[in-house]
Amino acid sequence: MKNILITYFIILALGFASMLTHNHYLANIAGFISAVGFMVIFFKDRPDPSTLSEAEIKQAAKMRTYWYIVFATGLVFSLIFGSFWNSEMGNMAS
């Protein structure tokens, strides 16, 4: 749970710093952290359910859900404060 809170704090700090400073790169960093996190959590090998108790299975599912919420927050910050605020969309402006 401590790792989730630390990661959530970092993503929130980057998102709010991007909002306050109008620096879209900070939100894009939060989005990058979230994208990598989604891949790690989604493709992570899960233990065999036959070796775990019912409570352990429910706890693992609950923790995965928390991680998904944290990373979804980062992607939302990245889209709103990173992509939509970036007036040079992919640095293609002339």
N, C-alpha and C. Protein backbone atom coordinates (compact mmCIF):
# COMPACT_ATOMS: atom_id res chain seq x y z
N MET A 1 0.82 -1.19 0.00
CA MET A 1 0.00 0.00 0.00
C MET A 1 0.87 1.26 0.00
N LYS A 2 2.03 1.16 0.64
CA LYS A 2 2.93 2.30 0.70
C LYS A 2 3.42 2.69 -0.70
N ASN A 3 3.72 1.70 -1.53
CA ASN A 3 4.17 1.97 -2.90
C ASN A 3 3.08 2.65 -3.73
N ILE A 4 1.84 2.23 -3.53
CA ILE A 4 0.72 2.85 -4.25
C ILE A 4 0.61 4.31 -3.86
N LEU A 5 0.68 4.61 -2.58
CA LEU A 5 0.56 5.99 -2.13
C LEU A 5 1.71 6.86 -2.62
N ILE A 6 2.92 6.33 -2.61
CA ILE A 6 4.07 7.09 -3.10
C ILE A 6 3.92 7.38 -4.60
N THR A 7 3.54 6.37 -5.37
CA THR A 7 3.35 6.55 -6.80
C THR A 7 2.22 7.53 -7.08
N TYR A 8 1.12 7.43 -6.34
CA TYR A 8 -0.01 8.33 -6.51
C TYR A 8 0.40 9.77 -6.19
N PHE A 9 1.19 9.94 -5.13
CA PHE A 9 1.65 11.28 -4.77
C PHE A 9 2.53 11.86 -5.88
N ILE A 10 3.42 11.07 -6.44
CA ILE A 10 4.29 11.55 -7.51
C ILE A 10 3.48 11.96 -8.73
N ILE A 11 2.51 11.14 -9.10
CA ILE A 11 1.68 11.45 -10.27
C ILE A 11 0.83 12.69 -10.01
N LEU A 12 0.25 12.79 -8.82
CA LEU A 12 -0.54 13.99 -8.49
C LEU A 12 0.34 15.24 -8.46
N ALA A 13 1.54 15.11 -7.89
CA ALA A 13 2.44 16.26 -7.82
C ALA A 13 2.83 16.72 -9.22
N LEU A 14 3.14 15.78 -10.11
CA LEU A 14 3.47 16.15 -11.48
C LEU A 14 2.28 16.79 -12.20
N GLY A 15 1.10 16.25 -12.00
CA GLY A 15 -0.10 16.80 -12.63
C GLY A 15 -0.42 18.19 -12.15
N PHE A 16 -0.40 18.39 -10.84
CA PHE A 16 -0.70 19.71 -10.30
C PHE A 16 0.39 20.72 -10.62
N ALA A 17 1.65 20.28 -10.61
CA ALA A 17 2.75 21.18 -10.99
C ALA A 17 2.60 21.60 -12.45
N SER A 18 2.18 20.68 -13.29
CA SER A 18 1.95 21.02 -14.69
C SER A 18 0.81 22.02 -14.83
N MET A 19 -0.22 21.83 -14.05
CA MET A 19 -1.37 22.74 -14.10
C MET A 19 -0.98 24.14 -13.62
N LEU A 20 -0.20 24.21 -12.56
CA LEU A 20 0.14 25.51 -11.99
C LEU A 20 1.22 26.25 -12.79
N THR A 21 2.17 25.51 -13.34
CA THR A 21 3.27 26.15 -14.06
C THR A 21 3.04 26.23 -15.56
N HIS A 22 1.98 25.61 -16.06
CA HIS A 22 1.67 25.54 -17.50
C HIS A 22 2.82 24.90 -18.28
N ASN A 23 3.51 23.97 -17.65
CA ASN A 23 4.59 23.22 -18.28
C ASN A 23 4.05 21.83 -18.61
N HIS A 24 3.73 21.59 -19.87
CA HIS A 24 3.08 20.33 -20.26
C HIS A 24 4.01 19.13 -20.15
N TYR A 25 5.30 19.35 -20.06
CA TYR A 25 6.23 18.23 -19.97
C TYR A 25 6.06 17.46 -18.67
N LEU A 26 5.71 18.14 -17.61
CA LEU A 26 5.51 17.46 -16.33
C LEU A 26 4.33 16.49 -16.40
N ALA A 27 3.26 16.90 -17.03
CA ALA A 27 2.10 16.00 -17.19
C ALA A 27 2.44 14.84 -18.11
N ASN A 28 3.26 15.09 -19.11
CA ASN A 28 3.66 14.00 -20.00
C ASN A 28 4.53 12.99 -19.27
N ILE A 29 5.33 13.44 -18.32
CA ILE A 29 6.12 12.51 -17.50
C ILE A 29 5.18 11.64 -16.66
N ALA A 30 4.14 12.26 -16.09
CA ALA A 30 3.15 11.49 -15.32
C ALA A 30 2.46 10.47 -16.21
N GLY A 31 2.17 10.84 -17.44
CA GLY A 31 1.55 9.90 -18.38
C GLY A 31 2.48 8.77 -18.76
N PHE A 32 3.76 9.06 -18.89
CA PHE A 32 4.74 8.02 -19.20
C PHE A 32 4.85 7.03 -18.05
N ILE A 33 4.92 7.55 -16.83
CA ILE A 33 4.96 6.68 -15.65
C ILE A 33 3.72 5.79 -15.62
N SER A 34 2.58 6.37 -15.92
CA SER A 34 1.32 5.61 -15.89
C SER A 34 1.27 4.55 -16.98
N ALA A 35 1.73 4.89 -18.17
CA ALA A 35 1.70 3.91 -19.27
C ALA A 35 2.59 2.72 -18.96
N VAL A 36 3.78 3.00 -18.45
CA VAL A 36 4.68 1.90 -18.09
C VAL A 36 4.07 1.09 -16.94
N GLY A 37 3.49 1.78 -15.97
CA GLY A 37 2.85 1.09 -14.84
C GLY A 37 1.70 0.19 -15.28
N PHE A 38 0.88 0.69 -16.22
CA PHE A 38 -0.20 -0.15 -16.73
C PHE A 38 0.35 -1.43 -17.36
N MET A 39 1.40 -1.30 -18.13
CA MET A 39 1.98 -2.48 -18.77
C MET A 39 2.54 -3.45 -17.74
N VAL A 40 3.21 -2.94 -16.72
CA VAL A 40 3.79 -3.81 -15.69
C VAL A 40 2.69 -4.55 -14.94
N ILE A 41 1.66 -3.83 -14.51
CA ILE A 41 0.58 -4.46 -13.74
C ILE A 41 -0.23 -5.41 -14.61
N PHE A 42 -0.52 -5.02 -15.85
CA PHE A 42 -1.34 -5.85 -16.71
C PHE A 42 -0.63 -7.15 -17.09
N PHE A 43 0.66 -7.08 -17.41
CA PHE A 43 1.38 -8.26 -17.87
C PHE A 43 2.12 -9.00 -16.76
N LYS A 44 1.96 -8.56 -15.54
CA LYS A 44 2.64 -9.20 -14.41
C LYS A 44 2.09 -10.62 -14.22
N ASP A 45 2.99 -11.56 -14.00
CA ASP A 45 2.56 -12.93 -13.74
C ASP A 45 1.84 -12.99 -12.41
N ARG A 46 0.67 -13.59 -12.44
CA ARG A 46 -0.10 -13.74 -11.22
C ARG A 46 0.14 -15.14 -10.67
N PRO A 47 0.17 -15.26 -9.35
CA PRO A 47 0.38 -16.60 -8.78
C PRO A 47 -0.80 -17.53 -9.09
N ASP A 48 -0.52 -18.80 -9.04
CA ASP A 48 -1.54 -19.82 -9.30
C ASP A 48 -2.63 -19.73 -8.24
N PRO A 49 -3.89 -19.56 -8.64
CA PRO A 49 -4.97 -19.43 -7.65
C PRO A 49 -5.14 -20.65 -6.76
N SER A 50 -4.69 -21.80 -7.21
CA SER A 50 -4.86 -23.00 -6.38
C SER A 50 -3.93 -23.00 -5.17
N THR A 51 -2.88 -22.17 -5.22
CA THR A 51 -1.95 -22.11 -4.09
C THR A 51 -2.30 -21.00 -3.10
N LEU A 52 -3.30 -20.18 -3.42
CA LEU A 52 -3.67 -19.05 -2.56
C LEU A 52 -5.01 -19.29 -1.89
N SER A 53 -5.19 -18.65 -0.75
CA SER A 53 -6.50 -18.71 -0.09
C SER A 53 -7.43 -17.71 -0.77
N GLU A 54 -8.69 -17.82 -0.47
CA GLU A 54 -9.70 -16.92 -1.04
C GLU A 54 -9.43 -15.48 -0.65
N ALA A 55 -9.00 -15.26 0.58
CA ALA A 55 -8.72 -13.90 1.06
C ALA A 55 -7.52 -13.30 0.32
N GLU A 56 -6.51 -14.11 0.06
CA GLU A 56 -5.33 -13.62 -0.66
C GLU A 56 -5.67 -13.27 -2.11
N ILE A 57 -6.55 -14.04 -2.71
CA ILE A 57 -6.98 -13.75 -4.08
C ILE A 57 -7.74 -12.44 -4.13
N LYS A 58 -8.64 -12.23 -3.17
CA LYS A 58 -9.41 -10.98 -3.12
C LYS A 58 -8.50 -9.79 -2.85
N GLN A 59 -7.52 -9.96 -1.97
CA GLN A 59 -6.59 -8.88 -1.66
C GLN A 59 -5.75 -8.51 -2.88
N ALA A 60 -5.29 -9.50 -3.62
CA ALA A 60 -4.50 -9.25 -4.83
C ALA A 60 -5.33 -8.52 -5.88
N ALA A 61 -6.59 -8.92 -6.03
CA ALA A 61 -7.47 -8.25 -6.99
C ALA A 61 -7.73 -6.80 -6.57
N LYS A 62 -7.90 -6.59 -5.28
CA LYS A 62 -8.14 -5.23 -4.77
C LYS A 62 -6.92 -4.34 -5.01
N MET A 63 -5.72 -4.87 -4.78
CA MET A 63 -4.50 -4.10 -4.99
C MET A 63 -4.30 -3.78 -6.47
N ARG A 64 -4.61 -4.74 -7.35
CA ARG A 64 -4.52 -4.49 -8.79
C ARG A 64 -5.47 -3.37 -9.19
N THR A 65 -6.67 -3.37 -8.62
CA THR A 65 -7.63 -2.31 -8.90
C THR A 65 -7.11 -0.96 -8.45
N TYR A 66 -6.50 -0.91 -7.29
CA TYR A 66 -5.90 0.35 -6.80
C TYR A 66 -4.81 0.84 -7.75
N TRP A 67 -3.96 -0.07 -8.21
CA TRP A 67 -2.92 0.33 -9.15
C TRP A 67 -3.51 0.88 -10.44
N TYR A 68 -4.57 0.23 -10.94
CA TYR A 68 -5.22 0.72 -12.16
C TYR A 68 -5.77 2.14 -11.96
N ILE A 69 -6.35 2.42 -10.80
CA ILE A 69 -6.88 3.75 -10.52
C ILE A 69 -5.75 4.78 -10.49
N VAL A 70 -4.64 4.44 -9.85
CA VAL A 70 -3.50 5.36 -9.78
C VAL A 70 -2.98 5.67 -11.19
N PHE A 71 -2.82 4.66 -12.01
CA PHE A 71 -2.27 4.87 -13.34
C PHE A 71 -3.28 5.55 -14.26
N ALA A 72 -4.56 5.29 -14.08
CA ALA A 72 -5.57 6.00 -14.88
C ALA A 72 -5.55 7.50 -14.56
N THR A 73 -5.33 7.83 -13.30
CA THR A 73 -5.22 9.24 -12.92
C THR A 73 -4.06 9.90 -13.65
N GLY A 74 -2.94 9.22 -13.74
CA GLY A 74 -1.79 9.76 -14.45
C GLY A 74 -2.06 9.97 -15.93
N LEU A 75 -2.78 9.04 -16.55
CA LEU A 75 -3.11 9.20 -17.96
C LEU A 75 -4.07 10.35 -18.19
N VAL A 76 -5.01 10.54 -17.27
CA VAL A 76 -5.94 11.67 -17.38
C VAL A 76 -5.18 12.99 -17.27
N PHE A 77 -4.28 13.08 -16.30
CA PHE A 77 -3.46 14.29 -16.18
C PHE A 77 -2.64 14.52 -17.45
N SER A 78 -2.10 13.46 -17.99
CA SER A 78 -1.29 13.58 -19.19
C SER A 78 -2.12 14.07 -20.37
N LEU A 79 -3.32 13.56 -20.51
CA LEU A 79 -4.17 13.99 -21.62
C LEU A 79 -4.64 15.43 -21.45
N ILE A 80 -5.10 15.76 -20.25
CA ILE A 80 -5.66 17.09 -20.04
C ILE A 80 -4.57 18.16 -20.00
N PHE A 81 -3.57 17.98 -19.16
CA PHE A 81 -2.58 19.02 -18.96
C PHE A 81 -1.36 18.87 -19.85
N GLY A 82 -1.19 17.75 -20.47
CA GLY A 82 -0.04 17.54 -21.35
C GLY A 82 -0.41 17.75 -22.80
N SER A 83 -1.25 16.89 -23.33
CA SER A 83 -1.57 16.93 -24.75
C SER A 83 -2.45 18.12 -25.13
N PHE A 84 -3.48 18.37 -24.36
CA PHE A 84 -4.43 19.42 -24.73
C PHE A 84 -3.86 20.83 -24.52
N TRP A 85 -2.92 20.97 -23.58
CA TRP A 85 -2.32 22.28 -23.32
C TRP A 85 -1.12 22.53 -24.21
N ASN A 86 -0.61 21.52 -24.84
CA ASN A 86 0.58 21.66 -25.68
C ASN A 86 0.16 22.32 -26.99
N SER A 87 0.55 23.55 -27.19
CA SER A 87 0.14 24.28 -28.39
C SER A 87 0.95 23.84 -29.61
N GLU A 88 1.97 23.05 -29.41
CA GLU A 88 2.80 22.63 -30.53
C GLU A 88 2.59 21.17 -30.89
N MET A 89 1.58 20.54 -30.42
CA MET A 89 1.19 19.16 -30.70
C MET A 89 2.25 18.33 -31.42
N GLY A 90 3.11 17.72 -30.71
CA GLY A 90 4.15 16.88 -31.28
C GLY A 90 5.29 17.68 -31.88
N ASN A 91 5.41 18.95 -31.48
CA ASN A 91 6.48 19.83 -31.92
C ASN A 91 6.45 20.00 -33.45
N MET A 92 5.23 19.99 -34.02
CA MET A 92 5.07 20.08 -35.47
C MET A 92 4.76 21.50 -35.91
N ALA A 93 4.66 22.45 -34.97
CA ALA A 93 4.33 23.83 -35.36
C ALA A 93 5.50 24.46 -36.08
N SER A 94 5.18 25.33 -37.01
CA SER A 94 6.26 25.98 -37.77
C SER A 94 6.62 27.34 -37.19
